[in-house]
Amino acid sequence: MTLTTGESTAVSATALHAATRQVISHAAEDLWPDQQIMLGQECPSVTSYVCRLTVDGEELIAKYSWLGTSLVSILRGAGGTWAGCRKPRARTFTAPIC
């Protein structure tokens, strides 16, 4: 599965990918500050970005959603510009459900 469609995109798939991994990495570091964390392979889903991560040898799954809409919609500009997509998320942080 790829993040892009045959159409040109309003938001860069590369920027979306990098920013999402950064958000997941920072959240994991905040949740487990004294643990060894390794981000693994990612798997874009229909509505969110899913990434495997390992925390002190335990494999977990991280899931992150931009604006609660599909990744394809974000890429096509449904959430506005890239700056517009990032702004609401800068104020939001949710902890995992354990």
Protein backbone atom coordinates (compact mmCIF):
# COMPACT_ATOMS: atom_id res chain seq x y z
CA MET A 1 0.00 0.00 0.00
CA THR A 2 1.32 3.43 -0.83
CA LEU A 3 0.42 6.79 0.62
CA THR A 4 -0.14 8.42 -2.74
CA THR A 5 -2.72 8.08 -5.42
CA GLY A 6 -2.37 8.63 -9.13
CA GLU A 7 -3.28 12.27 -8.63
CA SER A 8 -0.90 15.02 -7.59
CA THR A 9 -0.89 15.63 -3.85
CA ALA A 10 -1.38 18.83 -1.86
CA VAL A 11 0.64 17.46 1.05
CA SER A 12 3.95 15.70 0.56
CA ALA A 13 3.79 11.97 1.35
CA THR A 14 7.43 12.14 2.40
CA ALA A 15 6.74 14.99 4.84
CA LEU A 16 3.68 13.19 6.20
CA HIS A 17 5.67 10.00 6.72
CA ALA A 18 8.60 11.75 8.43
CA ALA A 19 6.38 13.87 10.67
CA THR A 20 4.31 10.88 11.74
CA ARG A 21 7.39 8.86 12.69
CA GLN A 22 8.65 11.85 14.65
CA VAL A 23 5.35 12.20 16.52
CA ILE A 24 5.34 8.48 17.38
CA SER A 25 8.98 8.61 18.46
CA HIS A 26 8.43 11.62 20.73
CA ALA A 27 5.31 10.09 22.26
CA ALA A 28 7.16 6.84 23.00
CA GLU A 29 10.07 8.75 24.56
CA ASP A 30 7.63 10.70 26.74
CA LEU A 31 5.84 7.52 27.83
CA TRP A 32 8.93 5.42 28.44
CA PRO A 33 11.79 7.86 29.12
CA ASP A 34 14.18 5.28 30.60
CA GLN A 35 13.49 2.50 28.13
CA GLN A 36 15.25 1.57 24.91
CA ILE A 37 12.89 2.37 22.03
CA MET A 38 13.26 1.31 18.40
CA LEU A 39 10.81 2.26 15.68
CA GLY A 40 10.12 -0.54 13.26
CA GLN A 41 8.37 -0.99 9.97
CA GLU A 42 5.39 1.23 9.23
CA CYS A 43 2.13 0.27 7.64
CA PRO A 44 -0.20 3.02 6.41
CA SER A 45 -3.81 2.09 6.95
CA VAL A 46 -6.91 3.74 5.55
CA THR A 47 -7.38 6.31 8.30
CA SER A 48 -4.21 6.28 10.36
CA TYR A 49 -0.53 5.57 10.35
CA VAL A 50 0.48 2.32 12.06
CA CYS A 51 4.06 1.58 13.10
CA ARG A 52 5.66 -1.26 15.01
CA LEU A 53 7.95 -0.25 17.84
CA THR A 54 9.98 -2.14 20.38
CA VAL A 55 10.22 -0.91 23.97
CA ASP A 56 12.87 -2.77 25.97
CA GLY A 57 12.37 -5.87 23.85
CA GLU A 58 8.56 -5.81 23.89
CA GLU A 59 6.94 -5.33 20.51
CA LEU A 60 4.10 -2.81 20.45
CA ILE A 61 1.99 -1.13 17.81
CA ALA A 62 1.69 2.65 17.58
CA LYS A 63 -1.21 4.24 15.74
CA TYR A 64 -1.45 7.91 14.82
CA SER A 65 -4.19 9.74 12.96
CA TRP A 66 -3.93 13.15 11.34
CA LEU A 67 -7.13 15.17 11.79
CA GLY A 68 -9.21 12.00 12.10
CA THR A 69 -9.46 11.66 8.33
CA SER A 70 -7.97 9.27 5.79
CA LEU A 71 -4.36 9.63 4.76
CA VAL A 72 -5.38 9.93 1.11
CA SER A 73 -7.70 12.83 2.01
CA ILE A 74 -4.84 14.56 3.83
CA LEU A 75 -2.57 14.09 0.81
CA ARG A 76 -5.23 15.49 -1.51
CA GLY A 77 -5.59 18.59 0.67
CA ALA A 78 -8.84 17.90 2.53
CA GLY A 79 -7.16 19.10 5.73
CA GLY A 80 -5.75 22.19 4.07
CA THR A 81 -2.07 22.90 3.72
CA TRP A 82 0.62 20.88 5.45
CA ALA A 83 1.02 23.69 8.01
CA GLY A 84 -2.73 23.61 8.58
CA CYS A 85 -2.71 19.85 9.14
CA ARG A 86 0.09 20.07 11.68
CA LYS A 87 -1.28 22.98 13.72
CA PRO A 88 -4.20 21.22 15.49
CA ARG A 89 -2.01 18.24 16.37
CA ALA A 90 0.59 20.43 18.05
CA ARG A 91 -1.90 20.95 20.89
CA THR A 92 -2.97 17.32 21.21
CA PHE A 93 -1.35 14.31 22.86
CA THR A 94 -3.03 11.07 23.86
CA ALA A 95 -1.50 8.23 25.84
CA PRO A 96 -1.88 4.63 24.70
CA ILE A 97 -4.63 2.43 26.00
CA CYS A 98 -2.97 -0.37 27.93
